[in-house]
Amino acid sequence: MKTNQLEKERIGKRGFWRRIQKNRTLICMLFPALLYVVVFSYIPMFGVTIAFKNYNYNDGILKSPWCGFDNFEYLKISGKLLDLTKNTLLYNLAFIVFGILFEVGFALMLSEITGRVFKKLSQAFMFLPYFISWVVVSTVMLNIFGQNGVLSNILSRFGIQDFSIYHQVRQWPVVMVAVRLWKQTGYGTVVYLAAIAGLSQEMFEAASIDGAGIFQKIRYVTIPSLKPTIFIMFLLSVGNIFRGDFGMFYQLMGNNQLLYETSDVIDTFVYRSLITSPNIGMSAAAGFYQSVLCFVTIVSVNWIVKKIDPEYTLF
């Protein structure tokens, strides 16, 4: 029996090396990407130890004294951890859900446009905001919707004085989601347009023969065919659901303390804390806290998706 097991192991090893030799070209093409991931994703994971150390530049990461969970206590003592986590989660959830709806919706509309010139121009204008930095976006918003902005000057002629969108604390989440959709929808639309372009035209021809109209084709052919892409994009987005877009939140919100209650996220809070108290261990602790939450979330969501349909899972 042991002889048979050893023989199977030898055959398995030979088969493994044969597959490597057979696909050596593909492996060589994969190697740069694999090296990139190892160098920039896996090796830096060693830096997570800073979250449990009283880090100083003289001793470095290895020799800095351990401090246990003291760096996590700052987030806890501040009394804002729950609110910051809730804001980060809800904002990202809104970005993901509304983002998918708008991206798929615009992709479906653009795919049905027959005019080639109009279609290309529409894609270009939708994709353009993606390349505008958040610094420029925040400046434009301030000059239009600020207290001395264009909109405020127009409303003052109708008797509405000192209007500023930056004072509308309860409405600010709607503003953030709207700005995010305006800037990111074009990029996501291109992804779904590419997926629609890759669909077999035979399915649409068969639906036309059966008498299906445009909306019926979209409902019964296009959307079901896009489900794998939608699920994959959703799962990839969920992996960062507890990480705020620092550039967006900090540039749009700035240091406006009125908006901290509804729009402050973990990333902006940590940044402001580092300005007043440059404790690198505290920022590492916040990053570790976010990573753990993201890991638990993506594993849980992937497990749920696997129960619904195993074909749409990441792993």
C-alpha atoms as a PDB file:
ATOM      1  CA  MET A   1       0.000   0.000   0.000  1.00  0.00           C
ATOM      2  CA  LYS A   2       2.868   2.360   0.821  1.00  0.00           C
ATOM      3  CA  THR A   3       4.450   1.474  -2.534  1.00  0.00           C
ATOM      4  CA  ASN A   4       1.274   2.482  -4.387  1.00  0.00           C
ATOM      5  CA  GLN A   5       1.096   5.773  -2.480  1.00  0.00           C
ATOM      6  CA  LEU A   6       4.734   6.581  -3.284  1.00  0.00           C
ATOM      7  CA  GLU A   7       4.108   5.745  -6.928  1.00  0.00           C
ATOM      8  CA  LYS A   8       1.111   8.095  -7.020  1.00  0.00           C
ATOM      9  CA  GLU A   9       3.200  10.868  -5.471  1.00  0.00           C
ATOM     10  CA  ARG A  10       5.926  10.365  -8.105  1.00  0.00           C
ATOM     11  CA  ILE A  11       3.367  10.467 -10.913  1.00  0.00           C
ATOM     12  CA  GLY A  12       1.799  13.607  -9.389  1.00  0.00           C
ATOM     13  CA  LYS A  13       5.184  15.347  -9.191  1.00  0.00           C
ATOM     14  CA  ARG A  14       6.002  14.409 -12.776  1.00  0.00           C
ATOM     15  CA  GLY A  15       2.621  15.732 -13.902  1.00  0.00           C
ATOM     16  CA  PHE A  16       3.161  18.981 -11.964  1.00  0.00           C
ATOM     17  CA  TRP A  17       6.580  19.646 -13.561  1.00  0.00           C
ATOM     18  CA  ARG A  18       5.227  18.701 -16.972  1.00  0.00           C
ATOM     19  CA  ARG A  19       2.444  21.288 -16.605  1.00  0.00           C
ATOM     20  CA  ILE A  20       5.014  23.901 -15.581  1.00  0.00           C
ATOM     21  CA  GLN A  21       7.201  23.061 -18.583  1.00  0.00           C
ATOM     22  CA  LYS A  22       4.205  23.085 -20.903  1.00  0.00           C
ATOM     23  CA  ASN A  23       2.986  26.495 -19.662  1.00  0.00           C
ATOM     24  CA  ARG A  24       6.400  28.062 -19.060  1.00  0.00           C
ATOM     25  CA  THR A  25       5.602  30.983 -21.401  1.00  0.00           C
ATOM     26  CA  LEU A  26       2.444  31.864 -19.480  1.00  0.00           C
ATOM     27  CA  ILE A  27       4.303  31.508 -16.172  1.00  0.00           C
ATOM     28  CA  CYS A  28       7.016  33.882 -17.393  1.00  0.00           C
ATOM     29  CA  MET A  29       4.301  36.389 -18.343  1.00  0.00           C
ATOM     30  CA  LEU A  30       2.733  35.985 -14.894  1.00  0.00           C
ATOM     31  CA  PHE A  31       6.023  36.407 -13.009  1.00  0.00           C
ATOM     32  CA  PRO A  32       6.258  40.275 -13.149  1.00  0.00           C
ATOM     33  CA  ALA A  33       2.704  40.643 -11.805  1.00  0.00           C
ATOM     34  CA  LEU A  34       3.384  38.029  -9.132  1.00  0.00           C
ATOM     35  CA  LEU A  35       6.614  39.795  -8.139  1.00  0.00           C
ATOM     36  CA  TYR A  36       4.771  43.124  -7.948  1.00  0.00           C
ATOM     37  CA  VAL A  37       2.136  41.675  -5.601  1.00  0.00           C
ATOM     38  CA  VAL A  38       4.738  40.041  -3.362  1.00  0.00           C
ATOM     39  CA  VAL A  39       6.948  43.142  -3.102  1.00  0.00           C
ATOM     40  CA  PHE A  40       4.203  45.753  -2.678  1.00  0.00           C
ATOM     41  CA  SER A  41       1.444  43.755  -0.956  1.00  0.00           C
ATOM     42  CA  TYR A  42       2.847  40.834   1.041  1.00  0.00           C
ATOM     43  CA  ILE A  43       6.245  42.053   2.234  1.00  0.00           C
ATOM     44  CA  PRO A  44       4.820  45.359   3.611  1.00  0.00           C
ATOM     45  CA  MET A  45       2.393  43.297   5.737  1.00  0.00           C
ATOM     46  CA  PHE A  46       5.282  42.941   8.181  1.00  0.00           C
ATOM     47  CA  GLY A  47       4.693  46.601   9.043  1.00  0.00           C
ATOM     48  CA  VAL A  48       1.464  45.640  10.848  1.00  0.00           C
ATOM     49  CA  THR A  49       3.645  45.062  13.922  1.00  0.00           C
ATOM     50  CA  ILE A  50       3.876  48.859  14.284  1.00  0.00           C
ATOM     51  CA  ALA A  51       0.266  48.776  15.504  1.00  0.00           C
ATOM     52  CA  PHE A  52       1.459  46.896  18.596  1.00  0.00           C
ATOM     53  CA  LYS A  53       4.646  48.876  19.220  1.00  0.00           C
ATOM     54  CA  ASN A  54       5.634  52.249  20.605  1.00  0.00           C
ATOM     55  CA  TYR A  55       7.392  53.088  17.371  1.00  0.00           C
ATOM     56  CA  ASN A  56      10.305  55.508  17.181  1.00  0.00           C
ATOM     57  CA  TYR A  57      12.644  56.284  14.298  1.00  0.00           C
ATOM     58  CA  ASN A  58      15.848  55.558  16.218  1.00  0.00           C
ATOM     59  CA  ASP A  59      14.967  51.933  17.054  1.00  0.00           C
ATOM     60  CA  GLY A  60      13.040  51.177  13.880  1.00  0.00           C
ATOM     61  CA  ILE A  61      10.310  48.565  13.509  1.00  0.00           C
ATOM     62  CA  LEU A  62      12.230  45.625  14.954  1.00  0.00           C
ATOM     63  CA  LYS A  63      13.722  47.266  18.049  1.00  0.00           C
ATOM     64  CA  SER A  64      10.885  49.584  19.052  1.00  0.00           C
ATOM     65  CA  PRO A  65       9.317  48.452  22.361  1.00  0.00           C
ATOM     66  CA  TRP A  66       6.068  46.522  22.356  1.00  0.00           C
ATOM     67  CA  CYS A  67       3.045  48.302  23.834  1.00  0.00           C
ATOM     68  CA  GLY A  68       0.289  45.719  23.380  1.00  0.00           C
ATOM     69  CA  PHE A  69      -3.067  47.263  22.488  1.00  0.00           C
ATOM     70  CA  ASP A  70      -2.258  50.779  23.724  1.00  0.00           C
ATOM     71  CA  ASN A  71      -2.395  52.185  20.192  1.00  0.00           C
ATOM     72  CA  PHE A  72      -5.942  50.877  19.815  1.00  0.00           C
ATOM     73  CA  GLU A  73      -7.010  52.531  23.055  1.00  0.00           C
ATOM     74  CA  TYR A  74      -6.755  55.975  21.449  1.00  0.00           C
ATOM     75  CA  LEU A  75      -9.492  55.143  18.950  1.00  0.00           C
ATOM     76  CA  LYS A  76     -11.569  53.670  21.748  1.00  0.00           C
ATOM     77  CA  ILE A  77     -11.043  56.515  24.231  1.00  0.00           C
ATOM     78  CA  SER A  78     -11.868  59.156  21.639  1.00  0.00           C
ATOM     79  CA  GLY A  79     -15.471  57.919  21.794  1.00  0.00           C
ATOM     80  CA  LYS A  80     -15.808  58.268  18.044  1.00  0.00           C
ATOM     81  CA  LEU A  81     -14.880  54.775  16.912  1.00  0.00           C
ATOM     82  CA  LEU A  82     -18.461  53.559  16.488  1.00  0.00           C
ATOM     83  CA  ASP A  83     -19.602  56.717  14.685  1.00  0.00           C
ATOM     84  CA  LEU A  84     -16.532  56.743  12.419  1.00  0.00           C
ATOM     85  CA  THR A  85     -17.014  53.068  11.544  1.00  0.00           C
ATOM     86  CA  LYS A  86     -20.727  53.627  10.863  1.00  0.00           C
ATOM     87  CA  ASN A  87     -20.059  56.629   8.624  1.00  0.00           C
ATOM     88  CA  THR A  88     -17.363  54.772   6.680  1.00  0.00           C
ATOM     89  CA  LEU A  89     -19.569  51.707   6.211  1.00  0.00           C
ATOM     90  CA  LEU A  90     -22.728  53.575   5.194  1.00  0.00           C
ATOM     91  CA  TYR A  91     -20.957  55.899   2.764  1.00  0.00           C
ATOM     92  CA  ASN A  92     -19.151  53.043   1.027  1.00  0.00           C
ATOM     93  CA  LEU A  93     -22.330  50.962   0.945  1.00  0.00           C
ATOM     94  CA  ALA A  94     -24.139  53.863  -0.751  1.00  0.00           C
ATOM     95  CA  PHE A  95     -21.240  54.331  -3.183  1.00  0.00           C
ATOM     96  CA  ILE A  96     -21.290  50.634  -4.106  1.00  0.00           C
ATOM     97  CA  VAL A  97     -25.059  50.177  -4.464  1.00  0.00           C
ATOM     98  CA  PHE A  98     -25.824  53.432  -6.286  1.00  0.00           C
ATOM     99  CA  GLY A  99     -22.599  53.123  -8.261  1.00  0.00           C
ATOM    100  CA  ILE A 100     -23.579  49.729  -9.659  1.00  0.00           C
ATOM    101  CA  LEU A 101     -27.122  50.917 -10.452  1.00  0.00           C
ATOM    102  CA  PHE A 102     -25.927  54.040 -12.299  1.00  0.00           C
ATOM    103  CA  GLU A 103     -23.033  52.288 -14.062  1.00  0.00           C
ATOM    104  CA  VAL A 104     -25.162  49.394 -15.312  1.00  0.00           C
ATOM    105  CA  GLY A 105     -27.997  51.769 -16.233  1.00  0.00           C
ATOM    106  CA  PHE A 106     -25.804  54.104 -18.294  1.00  0.00           C
ATOM    107  CA  ALA A 107     -24.020  51.140 -19.885  1.00  0.00           C
ATOM    108  CA  LEU A 108     -27.374  49.727 -20.997  1.00  0.00           C
ATOM    109  CA  MET A 109     -28.449  53.085 -22.404  1.00  0.00           C
ATOM    110  CA  LEU A 110     -25.193  53.668 -24.270  1.00  0.00           C
ATOM    111  CA  SER A 111     -25.231  50.140 -25.682  1.00  0.00           C
ATOM    112  CA  GLU A 112     -28.595  50.839 -27.299  1.00  0.00           C
ATOM    113  CA  ILE A 113     -27.487  54.093 -28.967  1.00  0.00           C
ATOM    114  CA  THR A 114     -27.023  53.586 -32.702  1.00  0.00           C
ATOM    115  CA  GLY A 115     -25.410  56.925 -33.559  1.00  0.00           C
ATOM    116  CA  ARG A 116     -21.670  56.235 -33.486  1.00  0.00           C
ATOM    117  CA  VAL A 117     -20.516  59.864 -33.108  1.00  0.00           C
ATOM    118  CA  PHE A 118     -23.048  60.661 -30.370  1.00  0.00           C
ATOM    119  CA  LYS A 119     -22.159  57.440 -28.568  1.00  0.00           C
ATOM    120  CA  LYS A 120     -18.425  58.213 -28.577  1.00  0.00           C
ATOM    121  CA  LEU A 121     -19.002  61.793 -27.410  1.00  0.00           C
ATOM    122  CA  SER A 122     -21.286  60.594 -24.612  1.00  0.00           C
ATOM    123  CA  GLN A 123     -18.667  58.116 -23.408  1.00  0.00           C
ATOM    124  CA  ALA A 124     -15.959  60.787 -23.525  1.00  0.00           C
ATOM    125  CA  PHE A 125     -17.985  63.329 -21.518  1.00  0.00           C
ATOM    126  CA  MET A 126     -18.973  60.686 -18.958  1.00  0.00           C
ATOM    127  CA  PHE A 127     -15.395  59.461 -18.585  1.00  0.00           C
ATOM    128  CA  LEU A 128     -13.866  62.961 -18.316  1.00  0.00           C
ATOM    129  CA  PRO A 129     -14.737  63.630 -14.610  1.00  0.00           C
ATOM    130  CA  TYR A 130     -12.775  60.526 -13.593  1.00  0.00           C
ATOM    131  CA  PHE A 131      -9.525  62.295 -14.543  1.00  0.00           C
ATOM    132  CA  ILE A 132     -10.303  65.455 -12.550  1.00  0.00           C
ATOM    133  CA  SER A 133      -8.543  65.477  -9.183  1.00  0.00           C
ATOM    134  CA  TRP A 134     -10.525  65.907  -5.980  1.00  0.00           C
ATOM    135  CA  VAL A 135      -8.615  69.138  -5.336  1.00  0.00           C
ATOM    136  CA  VAL A 136     -10.089  70.658  -8.488  1.00  0.00           C
ATOM    137  CA  VAL A 137     -13.544  69.246  -7.721  1.00  0.00           C
ATOM    138  CA  SER A 138     -13.510  70.745  -4.210  1.00  0.00           C
ATOM    139  CA  THR A 139     -12.425  74.147  -5.580  1.00  0.00           C
ATOM    140  CA  VAL A 140     -15.213  74.139  -8.173  1.00  0.00           C
ATOM    141  CA  MET A 141     -17.789  73.134  -5.555  1.00  0.00           C
ATOM    142  CA  LEU A 142     -16.631  75.857  -3.177  1.00  0.00           C
ATOM    143  CA  ASN A 143     -16.907  78.517  -5.887  1.00  0.00           C
ATOM    144  CA  ILE A 144     -20.374  77.362  -6.949  1.00  0.00           C
ATOM    145  CA  PHE A 145     -22.038  76.152  -3.733  1.00  0.00           C
ATOM    146  CA  GLY A 146     -20.036  78.021  -1.089  1.00  0.00           C
ATOM    147  CA  GLN A 147     -21.231  80.962   0.980  1.00  0.00           C
ATOM    148  CA  ASN A 148     -19.875  83.454  -1.557  1.00  0.00           C
ATOM    149  CA  GLY A 149     -20.352  81.170  -4.538  1.00  0.00           C
ATOM    150  CA  VAL A 150     -22.301  81.580  -7.751  1.00  0.00           C
ATOM    151  CA  LEU A 151     -25.442  79.856  -6.434  1.00  0.00           C
ATOM    152  CA  SER A 152     -25.447  81.978  -3.271  1.00  0.00           C
ATOM    153  CA  ASN A 153     -25.262  85.183  -5.327  1.00  0.00           C
ATOM    154  CA  ILE A 154     -28.156  84.038  -7.545  1.00  0.00           C
ATOM    155  CA  LEU A 155     -30.329  83.068  -4.556  1.00  0.00           C
ATOM    156  CA  SER A 156     -29.593  86.378  -2.826  1.00  0.00           C
ATOM    157  CA  ARG A 157     -31.474  88.120  -5.643  1.00  0.00           C
ATOM    158  CA  PHE A 158     -34.564  86.121  -4.618  1.00  0.00           C
ATOM    159  CA  GLY A 159     -34.228  87.041  -0.938  1.00  0.00           C
ATOM    160  CA  ILE A 160     -32.325  83.929   0.226  1.00  0.00           C
ATOM    161  CA  GLN A 161     -29.257  85.164   2.049  1.00  0.00           C
ATOM    162  CA  ASP A 162     -26.036  83.388   3.096  1.00  0.00           C
ATOM    163  CA  PHE A 163     -26.841  80.080   1.432  1.00  0.00           C
ATOM    164  CA  SER A 164     -24.035  77.531   1.552  1.00  0.00           C
ATOM    165  CA  ILE A 165     -24.197  73.834   0.932  1.00  0.00           C
ATOM    166  CA  TYR A 166     -21.404  73.448   3.483  1.00  0.00           C
ATOM    167  CA  HIS A 167     -23.859  74.450   6.229  1.00  0.00           C
ATOM    168  CA  GLN A 168     -26.432  71.802   5.245  1.00  0.00           C
ATOM    169  CA  VAL A 169     -25.195  69.160   7.668  1.00  0.00           C
ATOM    170  CA  ARG A 170     -28.050  66.670   7.274  1.00  0.00           C
ATOM    171  CA  GLN A 171     -28.072  66.952   3.482  1.00  0.00           C
ATOM    172  CA  TRP A 172     -24.325  66.618   3.129  1.00  0.00           C
ATOM    173  CA  PRO A 173     -24.330  62.778   2.748  1.00  0.00           C
ATOM    174  CA  VAL A 174     -26.574  63.220  -0.313  1.00  0.00           C
ATOM    175  CA  VAL A 175     -24.085  65.745  -1.698  1.00  0.00           C
ATOM    176  CA  MET A 176     -21.171  63.365  -1.151  1.00  0.00           C
ATOM    177  CA  VAL A 177     -22.941  60.474  -2.880  1.00  0.00           C
ATOM    178  CA  ALA A 178     -23.995  62.706  -5.803  1.00  0.00           C
ATOM    179  CA  VAL A 179     -20.465  64.035  -6.330  1.00  0.00           C
ATOM    180  CA  ARG A 180     -19.044  60.522  -6.125  1.00  0.00           C
ATOM    181  CA  LEU A 181     -21.492  59.248  -8.727  1.00  0.00           C
ATOM    182  CA  TRP A 182     -20.721  62.189 -11.023  1.00  0.00           C
ATOM    183  CA  LYS A 183     -17.000  61.477 -10.862  1.00  0.00           C
ATOM    184  CA  GLN A 184     -16.881  57.666 -10.866  1.00  0.00           C
ATOM    185  CA  THR A 185     -19.865  56.558 -12.950  1.00  0.00           C
ATOM    186  CA  GLY A 186     -18.077  57.052 -16.277  1.00  0.00           C
ATOM    187  CA  TYR A 187     -15.242  54.695 -15.330  1.00  0.00           C
ATOM    188  CA  GLY A 188     -17.567  51.932 -14.138  1.00  0.00           C
ATOM    189  CA  THR A 189     -19.770  52.354 -17.201  1.00  0.00           C
ATOM    190  CA  VAL A 190     -16.829  51.522 -19.466  1.00  0.00           C
ATOM    191  CA  VAL A 191     -16.341  48.227 -17.605  1.00  0.00           C
ATOM    192  CA  TYR A 192     -19.954  47.184 -18.127  1.00  0.00           C
ATOM    193  CA  LEU A 193     -19.945  48.429 -21.729  1.00  0.00           C
ATOM    194  CA  ALA A 194     -16.993  46.140 -22.399  1.00  0.00           C
ATOM    195  CA  ALA A 195     -18.899  43.249 -20.828  1.00  0.00           C
ATOM    196  CA  ILE A 196     -21.969  44.001 -22.985  1.00  0.00           C
ATOM    197  CA  ALA A 197     -19.810  44.225 -26.122  1.00  0.00           C
ATOM    198  CA  GLY A 198     -18.468  40.746 -25.353  1.00  0.00           C
ATOM    199  CA  LEU A 199     -21.910  39.145 -25.240  1.00  0.00           C
ATOM    200  CA  SER A 200     -22.845  36.781 -28.029  1.00  0.00           C
ATOM    201  CA  GLN A 201     -24.997  38.485 -30.659  1.00  0.00           C
ATOM    202  CA  GLU A 202     -26.704  35.158 -31.365  1.00  0.00           C
ATOM    203  CA  MET A 203     -28.672  35.510 -28.122  1.00  0.00           C
ATOM    204  CA  PHE A 204     -30.027  38.901 -29.191  1.00  0.00           C
ATOM    205  CA  GLU A 205     -30.830  37.607 -32.666  1.00  0.00           C
ATOM    206  CA  ALA A 206     -32.704  34.659 -31.175  1.00  0.00           C
ATOM    207  CA  ALA A 207     -34.625  37.036 -28.878  1.00  0.00           C
ATOM    208  CA  SER A 208     -35.540  39.212 -31.882  1.00  0.00           C
ATOM    209  CA  ILE A 209     -36.829  36.169 -33.763  1.00  0.00           C
ATOM    210  CA  ASP A 210     -39.004  35.343 -30.730  1.00  0.00           C
ATOM    211  CA  GLY A 211     -40.477  38.832 -30.929  1.00  0.00           C
ATOM    212  CA  ALA A 212     -38.629  40.448 -28.007  1.00  0.00           C
ATOM    213  CA  GLY A 213     -38.393  44.235 -27.947  1.00  0.00           C
ATOM    214  CA  ILE A 214     -35.536  46.412 -26.648  1.00  0.00           C
ATOM    215  CA  PHE A 215     -36.669  46.346 -23.017  1.00  0.00           C
ATOM    216  CA  GLN A 216     -37.360  42.621 -23.115  1.00  0.00           C
ATOM    217  CA  LYS A 217     -33.865  41.979 -24.480  1.00  0.00           C
ATOM    218  CA  ILE A 218     -32.387  44.077 -21.703  1.00  0.00           C
ATOM    219  CA  ARG A 219     -34.434  42.307 -19.027  1.00  0.00           C
ATOM    220  CA  TYR A 220     -34.105  38.723 -20.208  1.00  0.00           C
ATOM    221  CA  VAL A 221     -30.759  38.707 -22.060  1.00  0.00           C
ATOM    222  CA  THR A 222     -28.444  41.586 -21.185  1.00  0.00           C
ATOM    223  CA  ILE A 223     -28.944  41.891 -17.426  1.00  0.00           C
ATOM    224  CA  PRO A 224     -28.768  38.118 -16.714  1.00  0.00           C
ATOM    225  CA  SER A 225     -25.595  37.963 -18.825  1.00  0.00           C
ATOM    226  CA  LEU A 226     -24.088  40.840 -16.807  1.00  0.00           C
ATOM    227  CA  LYS A 227     -24.718  39.143 -13.458  1.00  0.00           C
ATOM    228  CA  PRO A 228     -21.214  37.572 -13.197  1.00  0.00           C
ATOM    229  CA  THR A 229     -19.572  40.956 -13.872  1.00  0.00           C
ATOM    230  CA  ILE A 230     -21.872  42.719 -11.398  1.00  0.00           C
ATOM    231  CA  PHE A 231     -21.151  40.184  -8.662  1.00  0.00           C
ATOM    232  CA  ILE A 232     -17.394  40.329  -9.209  1.00  0.00           C
ATOM    233  CA  MET A 233     -17.359  44.153  -9.162  1.00  0.00           C
ATOM    234  CA  PHE A 234     -19.522  44.113  -6.036  1.00  0.00           C
ATOM    235  CA  LEU A 235     -17.236  41.665  -4.219  1.00  0.00           C
ATOM    236  CA  LEU A 236     -14.126  43.630  -5.191  1.00  0.00           C
ATOM    237  CA  SER A 237     -15.716  46.818  -3.857  1.00  0.00           C
ATOM    238  CA  VAL A 238     -16.825  45.167  -0.616  1.00  0.00           C
ATOM    239  CA  GLY A 239     -13.181  44.309   0.098  1.00  0.00           C
ATOM    240  CA  ASN A 240     -12.561  48.017   0.884  1.00  0.00           C
ATOM    241  CA  ILE A 241     -15.910  48.856   2.436  1.00  0.00           C
ATOM    242  CA  PHE A 242     -14.323  50.049   5.696  1.00  0.00           C
ATOM    243  CA  ARG A 243     -11.743  52.247   3.949  1.00  0.00           C
ATOM    244  CA  GLY A 244     -12.816  55.770   3.086  1.00  0.00           C
ATOM    245  CA  ASP A 245     -11.629  57.595   0.001  1.00  0.00           C
ATOM    246  CA  PHE A 246      -9.344  60.013   1.859  1.00  0.00           C
ATOM    247  CA  GLY A 247      -8.790  62.310  -1.113  1.00  0.00           C
ATOM    248  CA  MET A 248     -12.523  62.733  -1.616  1.00  0.00           C
ATOM    249  CA  PHE A 249     -13.593  63.181   2.012  1.00  0.00           C
ATOM    250  CA  TYR A 250     -10.746  65.441   3.055  1.00  0.00           C
ATOM    251  CA  GLN A 251     -10.850  67.699   0.003  1.00  0.00           C
ATOM    252  CA  LEU A 252     -14.644  68.097  -0.048  1.00  0.00           C
ATOM    253  CA  MET A 253     -15.127  68.375   3.699  1.00  0.00           C
ATOM    254  CA  GLY A 254     -11.823  70.030   4.641  1.00  0.00           C
ATOM    255  CA  ASN A 255     -11.690  71.221   8.247  1.00  0.00           C
ATOM    256  CA  ASN A 256     -15.374  72.138   8.424  1.00  0.00           C
ATOM    257  CA  GLN A 257     -16.249  70.945  11.924  1.00  0.00           C
ATOM    258  CA  LEU A 258     -19.963  71.229  11.225  1.00  0.00           C
ATOM    259  CA  LEU A 259     -19.688  68.246   8.873  1.00  0.00           C
ATOM    260  CA  TYR A 260     -17.683  65.970  11.169  1.00  0.00           C
ATOM    261  CA  GLU A 261     -20.806  64.412  12.670  1.00  0.00           C
ATOM    262  CA  THR A 262     -22.220  63.142   9.381  1.00  0.00           C
ATOM    263  CA  SER A 263     -19.186  62.957   7.103  1.00  0.00           C
ATOM    264  CA  ASP A 264     -16.091  62.162   9.155  1.00  0.00           C
ATOM    265  CA  VAL A 265     -14.603  58.746   8.362  1.00  0.00           C
ATOM    266  CA  ILE A 266     -11.786  56.729   9.901  1.00  0.00           C
ATOM    267  CA  ASP A 267      -9.167  57.904   7.391  1.00  0.00           C
ATOM    268  CA  THR A 268      -9.791  61.638   7.835  1.00  0.00           C
ATOM    269  CA  PHE A 269      -9.979  61.317  11.631  1.00  0.00           C
ATOM    270  CA  VAL A 270      -6.634  59.511  11.760  1.00  0.00           C
ATOM    271  CA  TYR A 271      -5.039  62.117   9.495  1.00  0.00           C
ATOM    272  CA  ARG A 272      -6.170  65.004  11.696  1.00  0.00           C
ATOM    273  CA  SER A 273      -5.034  63.130  14.789  1.00  0.00           C
ATOM    274  CA  LEU A 274      -1.569  62.611  13.286  1.00  0.00           C
ATOM    275  CA  ILE A 275      -1.243  66.360  12.699  1.00  0.00           C
ATOM    276  CA  THR A 276      -1.761  67.092  16.397  1.00  0.00           C
ATOM    277  CA  SER A 277      -0.001  63.982  17.741  1.00  0.00           C
ATOM    278  CA  PRO A 278       2.392  62.257  15.306  1.00  0.00           C
ATOM    279  CA  ASN A 279       1.844  58.757  16.697  1.00  0.00           C
ATOM    280  CA  ILE A 280       2.554  56.383  13.821  1.00  0.00           C
ATOM    281  CA  GLY A 281       1.492  53.408  15.927  1.00  0.00           C
ATOM    282  CA  MET A 282      -2.007  54.864  16.240  1.00  0.00           C
ATOM    283  CA  SER A 283      -2.390  55.208  12.460  1.00  0.00           C
ATOM    284  CA  ALA A 284      -1.086  51.651  12.015  1.00  0.00           C
ATOM    285  CA  ALA A 285      -3.642  50.466  14.579  1.00  0.00           C
ATOM    286  CA  ALA A 286      -6.433  52.193  12.662  1.00  0.00           C
ATOM    287  CA  GLY A 287      -5.237  50.589   9.421  1.00  0.00           C
ATOM    288  CA  PHE A 288      -5.103  47.175  11.092  1.00  0.00           C
ATOM    289  CA  TYR A 289      -8.622  47.695  12.477  1.00  0.00           C
ATOM    290  CA  GLN A 290      -9.900  48.550   8.993  1.00  0.00           C
ATOM    291  CA  SER A 291      -8.108  45.566   7.428  1.00  0.00           C
ATOM    292  CA  VAL A 292      -9.630  43.115   9.896  1.00  0.00           C
ATOM    293  CA  LEU A 293     -13.131  44.485   9.302  1.00  0.00           C
ATOM    294  CA  CYS A 294     -12.633  44.383   5.517  1.00  0.00           C
ATOM    295  CA  PHE A 295     -11.329  40.807   5.691  1.00  0.00           C
ATOM    296  CA  VAL A 296     -14.272  39.618   7.790  1.00  0.00           C
ATOM    297  CA  THR A 297     -16.719  41.414   5.476  1.00  0.00           C
ATOM    298  CA  ILE A 298     -15.337  40.035   2.207  1.00  0.00           C
ATOM    299  CA  VAL A 299     -15.157  36.477   3.587  1.00  0.00           C
ATOM    300  CA  SER A 300     -18.732  36.713   4.907  1.00  0.00           C
ATOM    301  CA  VAL A 301     -20.155  38.200   1.709  1.00  0.00           C
ATOM    302  CA  ASN A 302     -18.275  35.685  -0.428  1.00  0.00           C
ATOM    303  CA  TRP A 303     -19.705  32.861   1.718  1.00  0.00           C
ATOM    304  CA  ILE A 304     -23.234  34.230   1.252  1.00  0.00           C
ATOM    305  CA  VAL A 305     -22.735  34.532  -2.518  1.00  0.00           C
ATOM    306  CA  LYS A 306     -21.383  30.972  -2.603  1.00  0.00           C
ATOM    307  CA  LYS A 307     -24.602  29.767  -0.987  1.00  0.00           C
ATOM    308  CA  ILE A 308     -26.649  31.620  -3.615  1.00  0.00           C
ATOM    309  CA  ASP A 309     -24.556  30.700  -6.666  1.00  0.00           C
ATOM    310  CA  PRO A 310     -20.979  29.295  -6.402  1.00  0.00           C
ATOM    311  CA  GLU A 311     -20.127  30.503  -9.929  1.00  0.00           C
ATOM    312  CA  TYR A 312     -20.092  34.143  -8.858  1.00  0.00           C
ATOM    313  CA  THR A 313     -17.643  33.842  -5.939  1.00  0.00           C
ATOM    314  CA  LEU A 314     -14.090  35.174  -5.768  1.00  0.00           C
ATOM    315  CA  PHE A 315     -12.709  32.097  -3.975  1.00  0.00           C
END
